[in-house]
């Protein structure tokens, strides 16, 4: 049921995993929403957004209660999804190894995992000395994006390609009509979007290799600090029949390049083959040259100093409003009216594992704004 005289209750800017998840949450709450973005869920080869390139294992690095709450909620939703659609989300063993005592810090989520325990020395392969194992979830990210988009479209949610340069334009898009609420899930776009222009937003370049390795069923990682700055070692099998596995990777803050670095790719292959010889498809009896490479991937994580911005802002848009109004395209100008925006951007590398928890939080902020607007209308 619509809560407004407008055709739509809200417009969501951003068609990555967070925008799609928020649309699903708001639709489930009975709101009519539309999604807009310059990149759509089907654009899985675009470097314009990070979602298609993610490895998407649930491995929380939350540092405060709010982040932990979001990740835990998403974990429990993934548990349900893995039972309903296992080709999208699969529960599997995780193994993390390290050489240096103290590299592994006991995580906050220890009791949330399935079968969490330290490995015995005989279970840890050389050259590593220590290890831990548990079971958690991995996603097939391209299929998951397609699943979310298909679900939304089946519920008559409009998903369209629009290029906007200002927040104000979204309240009066010709293709959608007038709305009073926008959800800003614009990722890296929040840095340059007029009306937001958040200087804390920055890219964190990631580079991985997608390989075909159907024998690899375990998610692996190395917890020691890598000899090369900003480099990590991890292996993430994707659900599905293709037998695809993600090998990584790097985290280069403030690097806008979307080019593949050959030296980085070589290092990723060497590191991951040492960690898991089964990648060669010959049960470790082959060579690194036997690894079947499907693609080299580069994505820009939408990071933000200080972490996620998730908050409600009340605004006034239209003529007579200063604050850069002279730069706003004509479509974003009007007589001046009170509107709302819920910001949800800056999640960095935690997009998938936090997505459903953030969406629930956004839903609460939307309810808060609608209730306040309803109360004012009665006065």
Protein backbone atom coordinates (compact mmCIF):
# COMPACT_ATOMS: atom_id res chain seq x y z
CA UNK A 1 0.00 0.00 0.00
CA UNK A 2 1.41 3.40 -0.96
CA UNK A 3 2.04 5.87 1.85
CA UNK A 4 2.07 8.93 -0.43
CA UNK A 5 0.03 10.73 -3.07
CA UNK A 6 2.98 10.16 -5.40
CA UNK A 7 3.18 7.16 -7.69
CA UNK A 8 6.22 5.92 -5.73
CA UNK A 9 7.02 6.11 -2.05
CA UNK A 10 10.76 6.32 -2.66
CA UNK A 11 13.48 6.25 -5.29
CA UNK A 12 16.66 4.28 -4.62
CA UNK A 13 19.86 5.50 -6.26
CA UNK A 14 22.25 2.63 -6.91
CA UNK A 15 21.65 -0.84 -8.37
CA UNK A 16 24.46 -2.68 -6.62
CA UNK A 17 23.85 -5.33 -3.99
CA UNK A 18 22.99 -2.72 -1.36
CA UNK A 19 20.48 -0.82 -3.50
CA UNK A 20 18.80 -4.06 -4.59
CA UNK A 21 18.67 -5.38 -1.02
CA UNK A 22 17.16 -2.14 0.25
CA UNK A 23 14.55 -2.27 -2.51
CA UNK A 24 13.65 -5.79 -1.43
CA UNK A 25 13.36 -4.74 2.22
CA UNK A 26 11.14 -1.74 1.47
CA UNK A 27 8.97 -3.75 -0.93
CA UNK A 28 8.48 -6.36 1.78
CA UNK A 29 7.34 -3.52 4.06
CA UNK A 30 4.61 -2.59 1.59
CA UNK A 31 6.25 0.42 -0.05
CA UNK A 32 6.32 1.10 -3.77
CA UNK A 33 9.87 1.92 -4.85
CA UNK A 34 11.89 2.43 -8.01
CA UNK A 35 15.60 1.85 -8.55
CA UNK A 36 17.82 3.99 -10.76
CA UNK A 37 21.50 3.74 -11.62
CA UNK A 38 23.95 4.27 -14.43
CA UNK A 39 24.87 0.60 -14.03
CA UNK A 40 22.16 -2.06 -13.82
CA UNK A 41 22.32 -5.52 -12.19
CA UNK A 42 22.79 -7.14 -15.61
CA UNK A 43 25.97 -5.12 -16.26
CA UNK A 44 28.17 -7.77 -14.66
CA UNK A 45 31.20 -6.80 -16.75
CA UNK A 46 31.06 -3.12 -15.77
CA UNK A 47 33.76 -1.65 -13.53
CA UNK A 48 31.34 1.17 -12.72
CA UNK A 49 30.26 -0.63 -9.57
CA UNK A 50 31.86 -3.21 -7.32
CA UNK A 51 29.07 -5.73 -6.80
CA UNK A 52 29.74 -8.10 -9.76
CA UNK A 53 33.40 -8.53 -8.81
CA UNK A 54 33.13 -9.45 -5.15
CA UNK A 55 34.29 -12.80 -3.81
CA UNK A 56 31.44 -12.63 -1.28
CA UNK A 57 32.43 -14.93 1.52
CA UNK A 58 30.93 -14.23 4.93
CA UNK A 59 34.05 -13.31 6.90
CA UNK A 60 33.15 -10.43 9.18
CA UNK A 61 35.64 -7.72 10.06
CA UNK A 62 33.10 -5.70 12.06
CA UNK A 63 34.72 -3.52 14.73
CA UNK A 64 31.71 -2.19 16.65
CA UNK A 65 28.27 -3.39 17.81
CA UNK A 66 26.39 -1.73 14.94
CA UNK A 67 28.54 -3.47 12.31
CA UNK A 68 28.31 -6.77 14.18
CA UNK A 69 24.52 -6.50 14.32
CA UNK A 70 24.30 -5.95 10.55
CA UNK A 71 26.62 -8.82 9.75
CA UNK A 72 24.90 -11.23 12.13
CA UNK A 73 21.47 -10.46 10.68
CA UNK A 74 22.81 -11.04 7.15
CA UNK A 75 24.45 -14.31 8.22
CA UNK A 76 21.15 -15.64 9.52
CA UNK A 77 19.37 -14.61 6.32
CA UNK A 78 22.06 -16.39 4.29
CA UNK A 79 21.32 -19.51 6.31
CA UNK A 80 17.73 -19.39 5.07
CA UNK A 81 18.78 -18.59 1.49
CA UNK A 82 21.27 -21.49 1.38
CA UNK A 83 18.46 -23.91 2.11
CA UNK A 84 16.06 -22.35 -0.40
CA UNK A 85 18.44 -21.67 -3.32
CA UNK A 86 21.79 -23.47 -2.78
CA UNK A 87 23.15 -22.47 -6.20
CA UNK A 88 23.17 -18.85 -4.97
CA UNK A 89 24.39 -19.32 -1.43
CA UNK A 90 26.20 -22.33 -0.01
CA UNK A 91 27.36 -23.29 3.46
CA UNK A 92 30.88 -24.68 3.28
CA UNK A 93 34.01 -25.29 5.39
CA UNK A 94 36.42 -22.41 6.00
CA UNK A 95 40.09 -22.85 6.90
CA UNK A 96 42.47 -20.07 7.91
CA UNK A 97 46.17 -20.69 8.46
CA UNK A 98 49.04 -18.63 9.86
CA UNK A 99 52.75 -19.00 10.64
CA UNK A 100 53.21 -16.38 13.34
CA UNK A 101 51.70 -16.84 16.76
CA UNK A 102 49.18 -14.07 17.43
CA UNK A 103 48.22 -13.47 13.79
CA UNK A 104 44.73 -14.81 14.50
CA UNK A 105 42.56 -12.88 16.94
CA UNK A 106 39.59 -14.80 18.29
CA UNK A 107 36.65 -13.28 16.40
CA UNK A 108 33.47 -11.81 17.88
CA UNK A 109 31.44 -14.19 15.70
CA UNK A 110 33.01 -17.41 17.04
CA UNK A 111 29.75 -18.65 18.60
CA UNK A 112 27.76 -17.74 15.48
CA UNK A 113 29.74 -20.09 13.25
CA UNK A 114 29.10 -23.78 12.74
CA UNK A 115 31.79 -26.01 14.29
CA UNK A 116 34.31 -23.33 15.18
CA UNK A 117 37.56 -24.85 16.51
CA UNK A 118 41.32 -24.51 16.37
CA UNK A 119 43.04 -27.05 14.15
CA UNK A 120 45.47 -29.56 15.60
CA UNK A 121 49.11 -29.32 14.40
CA UNK A 122 48.64 -32.44 12.25
CA UNK A 123 45.76 -30.73 10.39
CA UNK A 124 47.81 -27.69 9.39
CA UNK A 125 49.82 -28.03 6.16
CA UNK A 126 53.37 -26.66 5.98
CA UNK A 127 54.69 -24.00 5.88
CA UNK A 128 51.91 -22.89 8.26
CA UNK A 129 51.94 -23.70 11.99
CA UNK A 130 48.45 -22.81 13.19
CA UNK A 131 44.90 -22.93 11.86
CA UNK A 132 41.20 -22.57 12.57
CA UNK A 133 38.14 -24.03 10.89
CA UNK A 134 34.38 -23.43 10.89
CA UNK A 135 31.51 -23.36 8.41
CA UNK A 136 29.96 -20.23 6.89
CA UNK A 137 28.56 -19.04 3.56
CA UNK A 138 29.76 -17.98 0.13
CA UNK A 139 27.70 -16.42 -2.67
CA UNK A 140 27.69 -16.60 -6.44
CA UNK A 141 27.63 -12.83 -6.88
CA UNK A 142 26.52 -12.48 -10.55
CA UNK A 143 23.70 -14.98 -9.98
CA UNK A 144 22.73 -13.34 -6.69
CA UNK A 145 22.43 -9.91 -8.34
CA UNK A 146 20.29 -11.45 -11.09
CA UNK A 147 18.16 -13.19 -8.47
CA UNK A 148 17.51 -9.97 -6.54
CA UNK A 149 16.68 -8.03 -9.71
CA UNK A 150 14.35 -10.74 -11.03
CA UNK A 151 12.55 -10.97 -7.69
CA UNK A 152 12.03 -7.21 -7.63
CA UNK A 153 10.79 -7.05 -11.22
CA UNK A 154 8.37 -9.91 -10.52
CA UNK A 155 6.92 -7.64 -7.83
CA UNK A 156 6.57 -4.75 -10.31
CA UNK A 157 9.58 -2.81 -9.03
CA UNK A 158 10.90 -0.47 -11.71
CA UNK A 159 14.67 -0.73 -12.35
CA UNK A 160 15.91 1.80 -14.91
CA UNK A 161 19.14 3.28 -16.20
CA UNK A 162 19.43 6.96 -15.32
CA UNK A 163 22.46 9.18 -15.07
CA UNK A 164 22.05 11.95 -12.51
CA UNK A 165 24.55 14.51 -11.29
CA UNK A 166 22.65 15.79 -8.27
CA UNK A 167 20.58 14.43 -5.42
CA UNK A 168 17.82 16.96 -6.13
CA UNK A 169 17.06 15.53 -9.59
CA UNK A 170 15.91 12.26 -8.04
CA UNK A 171 12.86 13.85 -6.47
CA UNK A 172 11.38 14.70 -9.89
CA UNK A 173 12.68 12.30 -12.53
CA UNK A 174 10.47 12.40 -15.66
CA UNK A 175 10.51 8.59 -15.89
CA UNK A 176 9.30 8.19 -12.30
CA UNK A 177 7.55 11.35 -11.21
CA UNK A 178 7.56 13.31 -8.00
CA UNK A 179 8.72 11.64 -4.79
CA UNK A 180 9.53 12.97 -1.34
CA UNK A 181 12.04 10.32 -0.28
CA UNK A 182 15.33 9.14 -1.80
CA UNK A 183 17.59 6.33 -0.64
CA UNK A 184 21.17 7.22 -1.49
CA UNK A 185 22.99 3.92 -2.09
CA UNK A 186 25.29 5.47 -4.69
CA UNK A 187 28.55 3.93 -3.46
CA UNK A 188 31.55 5.76 -4.90
CA UNK A 189 29.13 8.14 -6.59
CA UNK A 190 28.51 9.81 -3.22
CA UNK A 191 31.88 11.50 -3.55
CA UNK A 192 30.81 13.60 -6.54
CA UNK A 193 26.98 13.62 -6.35
CA UNK A 194 25.86 17.25 -5.96
CA UNK A 195 24.04 17.62 -2.69
CA UNK A 196 26.23 14.96 -1.06
CA UNK A 197 29.86 15.41 -2.21
CA UNK A 198 31.27 13.38 0.65
CA UNK A 199 35.08 13.82 0.71
CA UNK A 200 35.45 10.78 2.98
CA UNK A 201 34.40 8.43 0.17
CA UNK A 202 37.24 6.77 -1.74
CA UNK A 203 37.89 3.66 -3.83
CA UNK A 204 39.70 0.58 -2.55
CA UNK A 205 40.89 -1.32 -5.60
CA UNK A 206 40.53 -5.07 -5.55
CA UNK A 207 42.09 -7.52 -8.00
CA UNK A 208 41.27 -11.22 -8.14
CA UNK A 209 41.41 -14.15 -10.55
CA UNK A 210 38.40 -16.30 -11.42
CA UNK A 211 39.43 -19.91 -12.09
CA UNK A 212 37.72 -23.19 -12.84
CA UNK A 213 38.53 -25.61 -10.02
CA UNK A 214 35.57 -27.89 -9.22
CA UNK A 215 37.66 -29.98 -6.79
CA UNK A 216 38.07 -27.01 -4.43
CA UNK A 217 35.19 -26.97 -1.95
CA UNK A 218 36.80 -25.18 1.01
CA UNK A 219 37.23 -21.43 1.57
CA UNK A 220 40.85 -20.71 2.55
CA UNK A 221 42.72 -17.71 3.86
CA UNK A 222 46.10 -16.77 5.34
CA UNK A 223 46.08 -14.51 8.39
CA UNK A 224 49.74 -13.50 8.44
CA UNK A 225 50.64 -10.06 7.11
CA UNK A 226 51.76 -10.43 3.49
CA UNK A 227 55.31 -9.46 2.50
CA UNK A 228 53.75 -7.18 -0.15
CA UNK A 229 51.77 -4.25 1.31
CA UNK A 230 48.00 -4.34 0.73
CA UNK A 231 48.08 -7.94 -0.50
CA UNK A 232 46.16 -10.84 1.10
CA UNK A 233 45.81 -14.53 0.29
CA UNK A 234 42.34 -16.04 0.03
CA UNK A 235 40.44 -18.66 -1.97
CA UNK A 236 36.64 -18.52 -2.24
CA UNK A 237 34.69 -21.24 -4.10
CA UNK A 238 31.46 -20.00 -5.65
CA UNK A 239 28.23 -21.99 -5.46
CA UNK A 240 26.88 -23.37 -8.71
CA UNK A 241 27.67 -25.99 -11.33
CA UNK A 242 30.50 -24.09 -13.05
CA UNK A 243 33.04 -24.96 -10.37
CA UNK A 244 34.33 -21.39 -10.26
CA UNK A 245 36.70 -20.18 -7.54
CA UNK A 246 37.89 -16.66 -6.70
CA UNK A 247 41.61 -16.20 -5.92
CA UNK A 248 42.80 -13.03 -4.26
CA UNK A 249 43.80 -10.45 -3.77
CA UNK A 250 44.61 -6.79 -2.98
CA UNK A 251 43.11 -3.82 -1.13
CA UNK A 252 44.58 -0.60 -2.52
CA UNK A 253 42.95 2.44 -0.95
CA UNK A 254 42.57 5.56 -3.15
CA UNK A 255 43.54 3.66 -6.30
CA UNK A 256 41.10 4.50 -9.12
CA UNK A 257 42.77 2.28 -11.74
CA UNK A 258 40.67 -0.53 -13.18
CA UNK A 259 43.60 -2.05 -15.07
CA UNK A 260 44.81 -5.57 -14.33
CA UNK A 261 48.32 -5.58 -12.83
CA UNK A 262 50.22 -8.56 -14.23
CA UNK A 263 52.68 -8.70 -11.33
CA UNK A 264 49.83 -8.78 -8.83
CA UNK A 265 48.12 -11.55 -10.82
CA UNK A 266 51.30 -13.65 -10.83
CA UNK A 267 51.67 -13.21 -7.06
CA UNK A 268 48.04 -14.20 -6.47
CA UNK A 269 48.52 -17.42 -8.46
CA UNK A 270 51.73 -18.33 -6.62
CA UNK A 271 50.26 -17.62 -3.20
CA UNK A 272 47.01 -19.47 -3.79
CA UNK A 273 48.66 -22.50 -5.41
CA UNK A 274 50.95 -22.86 -2.41
CA UNK A 275 47.92 -22.63 -0.13
CA UNK A 276 45.78 -25.07 -2.16
CA UNK A 277 47.56 -27.30 -4.72
CA UNK A 278 44.19 -28.82 -5.70
CA UNK A 279 43.68 -25.70 -7.84
CA UNK A 280 45.63 -27.43 -10.62
CA UNK A 281 42.79 -29.90 -11.21
CA UNK A 282 45.25 -32.79 -10.80
CA UNK A 283 45.04 -33.18 -7.03
CA UNK A 284 48.25 -31.21 -6.58
CA UNK A 285 50.31 -33.33 -8.94
CA UNK A 286 50.35 -30.77 -11.74
CA UNK A 287 51.88 -27.30 -11.97
CA UNK A 288 50.71 -23.73 -11.56
CA UNK A 289 50.35 -23.64 -15.35
CA UNK A 290 47.55 -26.22 -15.09
CA UNK A 291 45.26 -23.79 -13.27
CA UNK A 292 42.38 -22.95 -15.64
CA UNK A 293 41.98 -19.18 -15.56
CA UNK A 294 38.52 -17.92 -16.54
CA UNK A 295 39.05 -14.17 -16.04
CA UNK A 296 41.09 -11.50 -14.30
CA UNK A 297 38.87 -9.22 -12.24
CA UNK A 298 39.27 -5.66 -10.99
CA UNK A 299 36.68 -3.83 -8.90
CA UNK A 300 36.63 -0.62 -6.88
CA UNK A 301 35.19 -1.12 -3.41
CA UNK A 302 33.11 1.90 -2.27
CA UNK A 303 35.00 2.68 0.94
CA UNK A 304 34.62 5.61 3.33
CA UNK A 305 36.78 6.94 6.14
CA UNK A 306 34.87 6.26 9.35
CA UNK A 307 32.87 3.48 7.69
CA UNK A 308 29.27 3.27 6.52
CA UNK A 309 27.05 6.34 6.49
CA UNK A 310 23.55 5.17 7.35
CA UNK A 311 21.35 8.03 8.49
CA UNK A 312 18.22 10.02 7.73
CA UNK A 313 18.55 13.61 6.53
CA UNK A 314 15.70 16.09 6.06
CA UNK A 315 16.27 18.55 3.24
CA UNK A 316 14.64 21.44 1.42
CA UNK A 317 15.04 21.46 -2.35
CA UNK A 318 14.08 23.92 -5.05
CA UNK A 319 14.43 27.61 -5.82
CA UNK A 320 15.66 29.87 -3.08
CA UNK A 321 17.84 27.19 -1.55
CA UNK A 322 21.50 28.12 -1.72
CA UNK A 323 23.92 25.24 -1.05
CA UNK A 324 25.03 24.73 -4.67
CA UNK A 325 21.49 25.05 -6.09
CA UNK A 326 22.84 27.00 -9.06
CA UNK A 327 24.65 23.85 -10.23
CA UNK A 328 21.60 21.59 -10.11
CA UNK A 329 20.20 20.62 -13.54
CA UNK A 330 16.80 22.07 -14.38
CA UNK A 331 15.06 18.78 -13.61
CA UNK A 332 16.04 19.12 -9.96
CA UNK A 333 14.69 22.62 -9.43
CA UNK A 334 11.28 23.58 -8.16
CA UNK A 335 9.44 25.96 -5.84
CA UNK A 336 11.07 24.60 -2.73
CA UNK A 337 9.77 21.66 -0.73
CA UNK A 338 10.69 19.54 2.26
CA UNK A 339 11.98 16.07 1.42
CA UNK A 340 13.95 13.26 3.00
CA UNK A 341 16.99 11.19 2.10
CA UNK A 342 18.33 8.08 3.78
CA UNK A 343 22.03 7.74 3.12
CA UNK A 344 23.41 4.20 2.86
CA UNK A 345 26.89 4.21 1.37
CA UNK A 346 30.54 3.65 2.24
CA UNK A 347 30.41 -0.05 3.08
CA UNK A 348 33.77 -0.85 1.46
CA UNK A 349 34.47 -4.56 1.20
CA UNK A 350 31.60 -5.66 3.45
CA UNK A 351 28.81 -5.07 0.93
CA UNK A 352 27.41 -8.59 0.69
CA UNK A 353 27.98 -9.77 4.24
CA UNK A 354 26.33 -6.62 5.64
CA UNK A 355 23.76 -5.97 2.91
CA UNK A 356 20.63 -7.43 4.50
CA UNK A 357 21.41 -6.03 7.93
CA UNK A 358 21.93 -2.56 6.49
CA UNK A 359 18.69 -2.90 4.51
CA UNK A 360 16.77 -3.66 7.68
CA UNK A 361 18.31 -0.58 9.32
CA UNK A 362 17.38 1.57 6.32
CA UNK A 363 13.84 0.20 6.54
CA UNK A 364 13.63 1.43 10.12
CA UNK A 365 14.80 4.91 9.12
CA UNK A 366 12.26 5.00 6.29
CA UNK A 367 9.46 4.02 8.69
CA UNK A 368 10.64 6.77 11.05
CA UNK A 369 10.50 9.38 8.27
CA UNK A 370 7.08 8.28 7.02
CA UNK A 371 5.63 8.32 10.54
CA UNK A 372 6.97 11.82 11.15
CA UNK A 373 5.57 13.01 7.82
CA UNK A 374 2.22 11.43 8.65
CA UNK A 375 2.12 13.16 12.05
CA UNK A 376 2.87 16.55 10.48
CA UNK A 377 0.10 16.04 7.93
CA UNK A 378 -2.44 15.62 10.77
CA UNK A 379 -1.53 18.98 12.35
